[in-house]
PDB file of N, CA and C in Angstrom:
ATOM      1  N   UNK A   1      19.878  81.604 -78.362  1.00  0.00           N
ATOM      2  CA  UNK A   1      19.205  82.020 -76.757  1.00  0.00           C
ATOM      3  C   UNK A   1      20.268  82.657 -75.796  1.00  0.00           C
ATOM      4  N   UNK A   2      19.175  83.746 -74.859  1.00  0.00           N
ATOM      5  CA  UNK A   2      19.348  84.343 -73.692  1.00  0.00           C
ATOM      6  C   UNK A   2      19.449  83.670 -72.666  1.00  0.00           C
ATOM      7  N   UNK A   3      20.382  83.672 -72.085  1.00  0.00           N
ATOM      8  CA  UNK A   3      20.540  82.985 -70.504  1.00  0.00           C
ATOM      9  C   UNK A   3      20.513  84.526 -69.622  1.00  0.00           C
ATOM     10  N   UNK A   4      20.019  84.180 -68.238  1.00  0.00           N
ATOM     11  CA  UNK A   4      20.262  84.825 -67.209  1.00  0.00           C
ATOM     12  C   UNK A   4      20.315  83.839 -65.820  1.00  0.00           C
ATOM     13  N   UNK A   5      21.242  84.511 -65.085  1.00  0.00           N
ATOM     14  CA  UNK A   5      21.942  83.684 -63.696  1.00  0.00           C
ATOM     15  C   UNK A   5      20.329  82.984 -62.940  1.00  0.00           C
ATOM     16  N   UNK A   6      20.839  82.085 -62.478  1.00  0.00           N
ATOM     17  CA  UNK A   6      19.582  81.579 -62.071  1.00  0.00           C
ATOM     18  C   UNK A   6      20.022  81.013 -60.619  1.00  0.00           C
ATOM     19  N   UNK A   7      18.736  81.003 -59.200  1.00  0.00           N
ATOM     20  CA  UNK A   7      19.047  80.649 -58.191  1.00  0.00           C
ATOM     21  C   UNK A   7      18.955  78.680 -57.956  1.00  0.00           C
ATOM     22  N   UNK A   8      19.727  78.437 -57.296  1.00  0.00           N
ATOM     23  CA  UNK A   8      18.934  76.671 -57.305  1.00  0.00           C
ATOM     24  C   UNK A   8      19.773  76.037 -55.941  1.00  0.00           C
ATOM     25  N   UNK A   9      18.788  74.823 -55.615  1.00  0.00           N
ATOM     26  CA  UNK A   9      19.108  74.331 -53.771  1.00  0.00           C
ATOM     27  C   UNK A   9      20.097  73.004 -54.221  1.00  0.00           C
ATOM     28  N   UNK A  10      20.951  72.696 -53.603  1.00  0.00           N
ATOM     29  CA  UNK A  10      21.803  71.819 -53.706  1.00  0.00           C
ATOM     30  C   UNK A  10      20.823  70.914 -53.112  1.00  0.00           C
ATOM     31  N   UNK A  11      20.812  69.539 -54.068  1.00  0.00           N
ATOM     32  CA  UNK A  11      20.318  68.537 -53.387  1.00  0.00           C
ATOM     33  C   UNK A  11      21.280  67.585 -52.212  1.00  0.00           C
ATOM     34  N   UNK A  12      22.377  68.179 -51.986  1.00  0.00           N
ATOM     35  CA  UNK A  12      23.487  67.067 -51.070  1.00  0.00           C
ATOM     36  C   UNK A  12      22.996  68.394 -50.114  1.00  0.00           C
ATOM     37  N   UNK A  13      24.003  69.342 -49.662  1.00  0.00           N
ATOM     38  CA  UNK A  13      23.727  70.202 -48.834  1.00  0.00           C
ATOM     39  C   UNK A  13      22.776  71.167 -47.999  1.00  0.00           C
ATOM     40  N   UNK A  14      21.848  71.724 -49.321  1.00  0.00           N
ATOM     41  CA  UNK A  14      20.754  72.641 -49.277  1.00  0.00           C
ATOM     42  C   UNK A  14      20.851  74.014 -49.241  1.00  0.00           C
ATOM     43  N   UNK A  15      22.185  74.157 -49.688  1.00  0.00           N
ATOM     44  CA  UNK A  15      22.555  75.696 -49.697  1.00  0.00           C
ATOM     45  C   UNK A  15      22.313  75.958 -51.389  1.00  0.00           C
ATOM     46  N   UNK A  16      21.877  77.290 -51.187  1.00  0.00           N
ATOM     47  CA  UNK A  16      21.768  78.091 -52.264  1.00  0.00           C
ATOM     48  C   UNK A  16      22.755  78.335 -53.126  1.00  0.00           C
ATOM     49  N   UNK A  17      23.051  77.942 -54.629  1.00  0.00           N
ATOM     50  CA  UNK A  17      23.911  78.597 -55.163  1.00  0.00           C
ATOM     51  C   UNK A  17      23.352  79.140 -56.730  1.00  0.00           C
ATOM     52  N   UNK A  18      24.518  79.937 -57.129  1.00  0.00           N
ATOM     53  CA  UNK A  18      24.023  80.472 -58.297  1.00  0.00           C
ATOM     54  C   UNK A  18      24.367  79.501 -59.817  1.00  0.00           C
ATOM     55  N   UNK A  19      23.764  79.443 -60.652  1.00  0.00           N
ATOM     56  CA  UNK A  19      23.678  78.608 -62.139  1.00  0.00           C
ATOM     57  C   UNK A  19      23.941  79.785 -62.793  1.00  0.00           C
ATOM     58  N   UNK A  20      25.021  80.138 -63.272  1.00  0.00           N
ATOM     59  CA  UNK A  20      25.460  81.281 -64.079  1.00  0.00           C
ATOM     60  C   UNK A  20      24.947  81.387 -65.640  1.00  0.00           C
ATOM     61  N   UNK A  21      25.169  82.481 -66.001  1.00  0.00           N
ATOM     62  CA  UNK A  21      24.708  82.175 -67.783  1.00  0.00           C
ATOM     63  C   UNK A  21      25.347  81.446 -68.275  1.00  0.00           C
ATOM     64  N   UNK A  22      26.576  81.818 -68.134  1.00  0.00           N
ATOM     65  CA  UNK A  22      27.914  81.281 -68.991  1.00  0.00           C
ATOM     66  C   UNK A  22      27.093  80.090 -68.464  1.00  0.00           C
ATOM     67  N   UNK A  23      27.554  78.931 -67.470  1.00  0.00           N
ATOM     68  CA  UNK A  23      27.242  77.838 -67.290  1.00  0.00           C
ATOM     69  C   UNK A  23      25.932  77.077 -67.901  1.00  0.00           C
ATOM     70  N   UNK A  24      25.057  77.771 -67.933  1.00  0.00           N
ATOM     71  CA  UNK A  24      23.870  77.235 -68.730  1.00  0.00           C
ATOM     72  C   UNK A  24      24.298  77.464 -69.864  1.00  0.00           C
ATOM     73  N   UNK A  25      24.526  78.164 -70.713  1.00  0.00           N
ATOM     74  CA  UNK A  25      25.200  78.323 -72.219  1.00  0.00           C
ATOM     75  C   UNK A  25      26.194  77.014 -72.009  1.00  0.00           C
ATOM     76  N   UNK A  26      27.108  76.666 -71.646  1.00  0.00           N
ATOM     77  CA  UNK A  26      27.916  75.555 -71.815  1.00  0.00           C
ATOM     78  C   UNK A  26      27.140  74.223 -71.325  1.00  0.00           C
ATOM     79  N   UNK A  27      26.486  74.526 -70.318  1.00  0.00           N
ATOM     80  CA  UNK A  27      25.432  72.746 -69.773  1.00  0.00           C
ATOM     81  C   UNK A  27      24.959  72.840 -71.523  1.00  0.00           C
ATOM     82  N   UNK A  28      24.204  73.710 -71.945  1.00  0.00           N
ATOM     83  CA  UNK A  28      23.508  73.293 -73.076  1.00  0.00           C
ATOM     84  C   UNK A  28      23.984  72.991 -74.407  1.00  0.00           C
ATOM     85  N   UNK A  29      25.052  73.701 -74.494  1.00  0.00           N
ATOM     86  CA  UNK A  29      25.873  72.868 -75.721  1.00  0.00           C
ATOM     87  C   UNK A  29      26.132  71.555 -75.757  1.00  0.00           C
ATOM     88  N   UNK A  30      26.655  71.304 -74.171  1.00  0.00           N
ATOM     89  CA  UNK A  30      27.349  70.119 -74.358  1.00  0.00           C
ATOM     90  C   UNK A  30      25.851  68.729 -73.934  1.00  0.00           C
ATOM     91  N   UNK A  31      24.708  69.494 -74.108  1.00  0.00           N
ATOM     92  CA  UNK A  31      23.799  68.612 -73.896  1.00  0.00           C
ATOM     93  C   UNK A  31      23.415  68.111 -72.281  1.00  0.00           C
ATOM     94  N   UNK A  32      23.832  69.075 -71.171  1.00  0.00           N
ATOM     95  CA  UNK A  32      23.919  68.473 -70.071  1.00  0.00           C
ATOM     96  C   UNK A  32      22.912  68.749 -68.908  1.00  0.00           C
ATOM     97  N   UNK A  33      22.332  68.409 -68.058  1.00  0.00           N
ATOM     98  CA  UNK A  33      21.327  68.410 -67.635  1.00  0.00           C
ATOM     99  C   UNK A  33      21.610  69.813 -66.306  1.00  0.00           C
ATOM    100  N   UNK A  34      20.960  70.353 -66.001  1.00  0.00           N
ATOM    101  CA  UNK A  34      21.206  71.539 -64.768  1.00  0.00           C
ATOM    102  C   UNK A  34      21.966  70.908 -63.634  1.00  0.00           C
ATOM    103  N   UNK A  35      22.627  71.289 -63.271  1.00  0.00           N
ATOM    104  CA  UNK A  35      23.240  70.787 -61.736  1.00  0.00           C
ATOM    105  C   UNK A  35      22.495  70.573 -60.916  1.00  0.00           C
ATOM    106  N   UNK A  36      22.432  69.398 -60.253  1.00  0.00           N
ATOM    107  CA  UNK A  36      21.475  69.274 -58.562  1.00  0.00           C
ATOM    108  C   UNK A  36      22.723  69.958 -57.475  1.00  0.00           C
ATOM    109  N   UNK A  37      23.791  69.916 -57.862  1.00  0.00           N
ATOM    110  CA  UNK A  37      25.110  70.507 -56.488  1.00  0.00           C
ATOM    111  C   UNK A  37      25.271  71.266 -57.010  1.00  0.00           C
ATOM    112  N   UNK A  38      25.757  72.113 -55.713  1.00  0.00           N
ATOM    113  CA  UNK A  38      26.042  73.211 -55.774  1.00  0.00           C
ATOM    114  C   UNK A  38      28.081  72.974 -55.698  1.00  0.00           C
ATOM    115  N   UNK A  39      28.501  73.905 -56.801  1.00  0.00           N
ATOM    116  CA  UNK A  39      30.262  73.439 -57.253  1.00  0.00           C
ATOM    117  C   UNK A  39      31.044  73.152 -56.194  1.00  0.00           C
ATOM    118  N   UNK A  40      31.002  73.191 -54.889  1.00  0.00           N
ATOM    119  CA  UNK A  40      31.762  72.603 -53.744  1.00  0.00           C
ATOM    120  C   UNK A  40      31.031  71.090 -53.717  1.00  0.00           C
ATOM    121  N   UNK A  41      30.010  70.799 -53.726  1.00  0.00           N
ATOM    122  CA  UNK A  41      29.561  69.315 -53.340  1.00  0.00           C
ATOM    123  C   UNK A  41      30.062  68.575 -54.579  1.00  0.00           C
ATOM    124  N   UNK A  42      29.964  69.312 -56.255  1.00  0.00           N
ATOM    125  CA  UNK A  42      30.002  68.636 -56.897  1.00  0.00           C
ATOM    126  C   UNK A  42      31.685  68.161 -57.279  1.00  0.00           C
ATOM    127  N   UNK A  43      32.523  69.004 -56.619  1.00  0.00           N
ATOM    128  CA  UNK A  43      33.929  68.917 -56.564  1.00  0.00           C
ATOM    129  C   UNK A  43      34.152  67.736 -55.572  1.00  0.00           C
ATOM    130  N   UNK A  44      33.727  67.731 -54.589  1.00  0.00           N
ATOM    131  CA  UNK A  44      34.047  66.951 -53.367  1.00  0.00           C
ATOM    132  C   UNK A  44      33.366  65.474 -54.272  1.00  0.00           C
ATOM    133  N   UNK A  45      32.361  65.376 -54.706  1.00  0.00           N
ATOM    134  CA  UNK A  45      31.623  64.133 -55.145  1.00  0.00           C
ATOM    135  C   UNK A  45      32.840  63.657 -56.138  1.00  0.00           C
ATOM    136  N   UNK A  46      33.339  64.433 -57.149  1.00  0.00           N
ATOM    137  CA  UNK A  46      34.569  64.517 -58.032  1.00  0.00           C
ATOM    138  C   UNK A  46      35.665  63.715 -57.310  1.00  0.00           C
ATOM    139  N   UNK A  47      35.986  64.111 -56.332  1.00  0.00           N
ATOM    140  CA  UNK A  47      37.137  63.794 -55.719  1.00  0.00           C
ATOM    141  C   UNK A  47      37.120  62.496 -54.972  1.00  0.00           C
ATOM    142  N   UNK A  48      35.902  61.903 -54.389  1.00  0.00           N
ATOM    143  CA  UNK A  48      35.461  61.018 -53.779  1.00  0.00           C
ATOM    144  C   UNK A  48      35.532  59.674 -54.938  1.00  0.00           C
ATOM    145  N   UNK A  49      34.923  59.931 -56.267  1.00  0.00           N
ATOM    146  CA  UNK A  49      34.834  59.271 -57.364  1.00  0.00           C
ATOM    147  C   UNK A  49      36.472  58.990 -57.885  1.00  0.00           C
ATOM    148  N   UNK A  50      37.592  60.012 -57.848  1.00  0.00           N
ATOM    149  CA  UNK A  50      38.744  59.615 -58.161  1.00  0.00           C
ATOM    150  C   UNK A  50      39.205  58.919 -57.244  1.00  0.00           C
ATOM    151  N   UNK A  51      39.195  59.178 -55.770  1.00  0.00           N
ATOM    152  CA  UNK A  51      39.677  58.145 -54.942  1.00  0.00           C
ATOM    153  C   UNK A  51      39.197  57.168 -54.507  1.00  0.00           C
ATOM    154  N   UNK A  52      38.109  56.629 -55.248  1.00  0.00           N
ATOM    155  CA  UNK A  52      37.565  55.321 -55.583  1.00  0.00           C
ATOM    156  C   UNK A  52      38.501  54.487 -56.334  1.00  0.00           C
ATOM    157  N   UNK A  53      38.504  55.147 -57.375  1.00  0.00           N
ATOM    158  CA  UNK A  53      39.156  54.721 -59.062  1.00  0.00           C
ATOM    159  C   UNK A  53      40.550  54.377 -58.422  1.00  0.00           C
ATOM    160  N   UNK A  54      41.438  54.927 -57.941  1.00  0.00           N
ATOM    161  CA  UNK A  54      43.139  54.738 -57.421  1.00  0.00           C
ATOM    162  C   UNK A  54      42.848  53.855 -56.301  1.00  0.00           C
ATOM    163  N   UNK A  55      42.206  53.681 -55.491  1.00  0.00           N
ATOM    164  CA  UNK A  55      41.897  52.586 -54.708  1.00  0.00           C
ATOM    165  C   UNK A  55      41.519  51.348 -54.977  1.00  0.00           C
ATOM    166  N   UNK A  56      40.653  51.049 -55.844  1.00  0.00           N
ATOM    167  CA  UNK A  56      40.288  49.745 -56.637  1.00  0.00           C
ATOM    168  C   UNK A  56      40.916  49.365 -57.856  1.00  0.00           C
ATOM    169  N   UNK A  57      41.942  50.584 -58.291  1.00  0.00           N
ATOM    170  CA  UNK A  57      42.983  50.208 -59.581  1.00  0.00           C
ATOM    171  C   UNK A  57      44.192  49.473 -59.423  1.00  0.00           C
ATOM    172  N   UNK A  58      43.590  48.236 -60.393  1.00  0.00           N
ATOM    173  CA  UNK A  58      44.681  47.311 -60.231  1.00  0.00           C
ATOM    174  C   UNK A  58      46.083  47.753 -60.626  1.00  0.00           C
ATOM    175  N   UNK A  59      46.666  46.977 -60.251  1.00  0.00           N
ATOM    176  CA  UNK A  59      48.452  46.958 -61.038  1.00  0.00           C
ATOM    177  C   UNK A  59      48.324  46.503 -62.073  1.00  0.00           C
ATOM    178  N   UNK A  60      49.479  46.922 -63.049  1.00  0.00           N
ATOM    179  CA  UNK A  60      49.727  46.936 -64.022  1.00  0.00           C
ATOM    180  C   UNK A  60      51.040  46.159 -64.484  1.00  0.00           C
ATOM    181  N   UNK A  61      51.219  45.013 -65.093  1.00  0.00           N
ATOM    182  CA  UNK A  61      52.240  44.660 -65.350  1.00  0.00           C
ATOM    183  C   UNK A  61      52.635  44.967 -66.833  1.00  0.00           C
ATOM    184  N   UNK A  62      54.381  45.218 -67.090  1.00  0.00           N
ATOM    185  CA  UNK A  62      54.683  45.156 -68.361  1.00  0.00           C
ATOM    186  C   UNK A  62      55.300  44.040 -69.004  1.00  0.00           C
ATOM    187  N   UNK A  63      54.739  43.589 -70.291  1.00  0.00           N
ATOM    188  CA  UNK A  63      55.163  42.068 -71.066  1.00  0.00           C
ATOM    189  C   UNK A  63      55.107  42.550 -72.506  1.00  0.00           C
ATOM    190  N   UNK A  64      55.936  41.232 -73.314  1.00  0.00           N
ATOM    191  CA  UNK A  64      55.988  41.626 -74.264  1.00  0.00           C
ATOM    192  C   UNK A  64      54.743  40.635 -75.018  1.00  0.00           C
ATOM    193  N   UNK A  65      54.278  41.449 -76.169  1.00  0.00           N
ATOM    194  CA  UNK A  65      53.174  40.518 -76.941  1.00  0.00           C
ATOM    195  C   UNK A  65      53.667  39.677 -77.397  1.00  0.00           C
ATOM    196  N   UNK A  66      53.222  38.021 -77.068  1.00  0.00           N
ATOM    197  CA  UNK A  66      53.542  36.814 -77.610  1.00  0.00           C
ATOM    198  C   UNK A  66      53.130  36.640 -79.105  1.00  0.00           C
ATOM    199  N   UNK A  67      52.373  37.535 -79.974  1.00  0.00           N
ATOM    200  CA  UNK A  67      52.014  37.560 -81.254  1.00  0.00           C
ATOM    201  C   UNK A  67      52.960  38.398 -82.193  1.00  0.00           C
ATOM    202  N   UNK A  68      52.727  39.850 -81.597  1.00  0.00           N
ATOM    203  CA  UNK A  68      53.616  41.083 -82.327  1.00  0.00           C
ATOM    204  C   UNK A  68      55.128  41.382 -81.870  1.00  0.00           C
ATOM    205  N   UNK A  69      55.440  40.929 -80.247  1.00  0.00           N
ATOM    206  CA  UNK A  69      56.398  41.250 -79.947  1.00  0.00           C
ATOM    207  C   UNK A  69      56.909  42.856 -79.442  1.00  0.00           C
ATOM    208  N   UNK A  70      55.157  43.547 -79.602  1.00  0.00           N
ATOM    209  CA  UNK A  70      55.494  44.925 -78.752  1.00  0.00           C
ATOM    210  C   UNK A  70      55.264  44.741 -77.412  1.00  0.00           C
ATOM    211  N   UNK A  71      55.886  46.149 -76.821  1.00  0.00           N
ATOM    212  CA  UNK A  71      55.821  46.246 -75.276  1.00  0.00           C
ATOM    213  C   UNK A  71      54.494  46.913 -74.878  1.00  0.00           C
ATOM    214  N   UNK A  72      53.693  46.338 -74.011  1.00  0.00           N
ATOM    215  CA  UNK A  72      52.391  46.663 -73.670  1.00  0.00           C
ATOM    216  C   UNK A  72      52.091  46.587 -71.814  1.00  0.00           C
ATOM    217  N   UNK A  73      50.839  46.793 -71.172  1.00  0.00           N
ATOM    218  CA  UNK A  73      50.686  46.748 -69.961  1.00  0.00           C
ATOM    219  C   UNK A  73      49.402  45.774 -69.766  1.00  0.00           C
ATOM    220  N   UNK A  74      49.437  45.198 -69.041  1.00  0.00           N
ATOM    221  CA  UNK A  74      48.274  44.015 -68.522  1.00  0.00           C
ATOM    222  C   UNK A  74      47.868  44.121 -67.235  1.00  0.00           C
ATOM    223  N   UNK A  75      46.451  44.167 -67.320  1.00  0.00           N
ATOM    224  CA  UNK A  75      45.932  44.387 -65.939  1.00  0.00           C
ATOM    225  C   UNK A  75      46.016  43.064 -64.674  1.00  0.00           C
ATOM    226  N   UNK A  76      46.627  42.248 -65.002  1.00  0.00           N
ATOM    227  CA  UNK A  76      46.879  40.916 -64.170  1.00  0.00           C
ATOM    228  C   UNK A  76      48.083  40.550 -64.170  1.00  0.00           C
ATOM    229  N   UNK A  77      48.569  39.188 -63.397  1.00  0.00           N
ATOM    230  CA  UNK A  77      50.169  39.380 -63.379  1.00  0.00           C
ATOM    231  C   UNK A  77      50.230  37.810 -64.343  1.00  0.00           C
ATOM    232  N   UNK A  78      51.116  38.081 -65.751  1.00  0.00           N
ATOM    233  CA  UNK A  78      51.258  36.834 -66.150  1.00  0.00           C
ATOM    234  C   UNK A  78      51.719  35.506 -65.815  1.00  0.00           C
ATOM    235  N   UNK A  79      51.643  34.407 -66.320  1.00  0.00           N
ATOM    236  CA  UNK A  79      52.055  32.951 -65.638  1.00  0.00           C
ATOM    237  C   UNK A  79      52.886  32.971 -67.052  1.00  0.00           C
ATOM    238  N   UNK A  80      53.928  32.189 -66.678  1.00  0.00           N
ATOM    239  CA  UNK A  80      55.044  32.037 -67.696  1.00  0.00           C
ATOM    240  C   UNK A  80      54.733  30.943 -68.801  1.00  0.00           C
ATOM    241  N   UNK A  81      53.437  29.819 -68.761  1.00  0.00           N
ATOM    242  CA  UNK A  81      52.836  28.773 -69.035  1.00  0.00           C
ATOM    243  C   UNK A  81      51.694  29.612 -69.982  1.00  0.00           C
ATOM    244  N   UNK A  82      51.530  30.727 -69.757  1.00  0.00           N
ATOM    245  CA  UNK A  82      50.237  31.179 -70.812  1.00  0.00           C
ATOM    246  C   UNK A  82      50.713  32.122 -71.646  1.00  0.00           C
ATOM    247  N   UNK A  83      50.316  32.456 -73.414  1.00  0.00           N
ATOM    248  CA  UNK A  83      50.885  33.628 -74.033  1.00  0.00           C
ATOM    249  C   UNK A  83      50.091  34.799 -73.495  1.00  0.00           C
ATOM    250  N   UNK A  84      50.780  36.220 -73.656  1.00  0.00           N
ATOM    251  CA  UNK A  84      50.178  37.287 -73.398  1.00  0.00           C
ATOM    252  C   UNK A  84      50.181  38.129 -74.670  1.00  0.00           C
ATOM    253  N   UNK A  85      48.800  38.612 -74.862  1.00  0.00           N
ATOM    254  CA  UNK A  85      48.550  39.824 -75.947  1.00  0.00           C
ATOM    255  C   UNK A  85      48.438  41.253 -75.913  1.00  0.00           C
ATOM    256  N   UNK A  86      48.703  41.813 -76.689  1.00  0.00           N
ATOM    257  CA  UNK A  86      48.668  43.015 -76.832  1.00  0.00           C
ATOM    258  C   UNK A  86      47.149  43.491 -77.514  1.00  0.00           C
ATOM    259  N   UNK A  87      46.255  44.365 -76.725  1.00  0.00           N
ATOM    260  CA  UNK A  87      45.016  44.270 -77.164  1.00  0.00           C
ATOM    261  C   UNK A  87      44.426  44.583 -78.336  1.00  0.00           C
ATOM    262  N   UNK A  88      45.606  45.018 -79.346  1.00  0.00           N
ATOM    263  CA  UNK A  88      45.453  44.724 -80.902  1.00  0.00           C
ATOM    264  C   UNK A  88      45.378  43.320 -81.258  1.00  0.00           C
ATOM    265  N   UNK A  89      46.480  42.771 -80.963  1.00  0.00           N
ATOM    266  CA  UNK A  89      46.361  41.119 -81.447  1.00  0.00           C
ATOM    267  C   UNK A  89      45.337  40.184 -80.576  1.00  0.00           C
ATOM    268  N   UNK A  90      44.810  40.729 -79.179  1.00  0.00           N
ATOM    269  CA  UNK A  90      43.643  39.806 -78.850  1.00  0.00           C
ATOM    270  C   UNK A  90      42.727  40.057 -79.335  1.00  0.00           C
ATOM    271  N   UNK A  91      42.268  41.618 -79.758  1.00  0.00           N
ATOM    272  CA  UNK A  91      41.119  41.812 -80.653  1.00  0.00           C
ATOM    273  C   UNK A  91      40.860  41.039 -81.563  1.00  0.00           C
ATOM    274  N   UNK A  92      42.090  40.650 -82.557  1.00  0.00           N
ATOM    275  CA  UNK A  92      42.536  40.071 -83.652  1.00  0.00           C
ATOM    276  C   UNK A  92      41.890  38.328 -83.846  1.00  0.00           C
ATOM    277  N   UNK A  93      42.293  38.208 -82.617  1.00  0.00           N
ATOM    278  CA  UNK A  93      42.036  36.580 -82.408  1.00  0.00           C
ATOM    279  C   UNK A  93      40.669  36.324 -81.792  1.00  0.00           C
ATOM    280  N   UNK A  94      40.164  37.352 -80.909  1.00  0.00           N
ATOM    281  CA  UNK A  94      38.485  37.181 -80.925  1.00  0.00           C
ATOM    282  C   UNK A  94      37.768  37.173 -81.755  1.00  0.00           C
ATOM    283  N   UNK A  95      37.881  38.119 -82.856  1.00  0.00           N
ATOM    284  CA  UNK A  95      37.150  38.300 -84.019  1.00  0.00           C
ATOM    285  C   UNK A  95      37.836  38.180 -85.421  1.00  0.00           C
ATOM    286  N   UNK A  96      38.265  36.875 -85.907  1.00  0.00           N
ATOM    287  CA  UNK A  96      39.208  36.744 -87.259  1.00  0.00           C
ATOM    288  C   UNK A  96      38.800  37.433 -87.909  1.00  0.00           C
ATOM    289  N   UNK A  97      37.582  37.431 -88.147  1.00  0.00           N
ATOM    290  CA  UNK A  97      36.552  37.604 -89.585  1.00  0.00           C
ATOM    291  C   UNK A  97      36.799  39.572 -89.794  1.00  0.00           C
ATOM    292  N   UNK A  98      36.823  39.990 -88.572  1.00  0.00           N
ATOM    293  CA  UNK A  98      36.794  41.409 -88.413  1.00  0.00           C
ATOM    294  C   UNK A  98      37.987  42.014 -89.104  1.00  0.00           C
ATOM    295  N   UNK A  99      39.242  41.307 -89.166  1.00  0.00           N
ATOM    296  CA  UNK A  99      40.345  41.444 -89.815  1.00  0.00           C
ATOM    297  C   UNK A  99      40.912  41.541 -90.874  1.00  0.00           C
ATOM    298  N   UNK A 100      39.875  40.313 -91.496  1.00  0.00           N
ATOM    299  CA  UNK A 100      40.100  39.857 -92.913  1.00  0.00           C
ATOM    300  C   UNK A 100      38.895  40.986 -93.415  1.00  0.00           C
ATOM    301  N   UNK A 101      37.789  41.428 -92.834  1.00  0.00           N
ATOM    302  CA  UNK A 101      37.195  42.445 -93.090  1.00  0.00           C
ATOM    303  C   UNK A 101      36.353  42.856 -94.674  1.00  0.00           C
TER     304      UNK A 101
END
């Protein structure tokens, strides 16, 4: 398929921007729809999402798995009276039938 540069209007700032033939080909290969925002507004929105993730990312705590003894991290502060498991051991405990498969 042959692509040609197209002019689009940003849904955020209203500025006209070029959706290049190369970008169109890339978007088509990835199955993406055409952009609604100009590159500057897309970058600002991505930065805003990343900042939000950082702001609400919980602290990780280093622990030793109570089942297999491997070191891992968990997103909660462990209590001394409760066992803590790595993700693999936790999954095995949640679905023992899948392990025996």
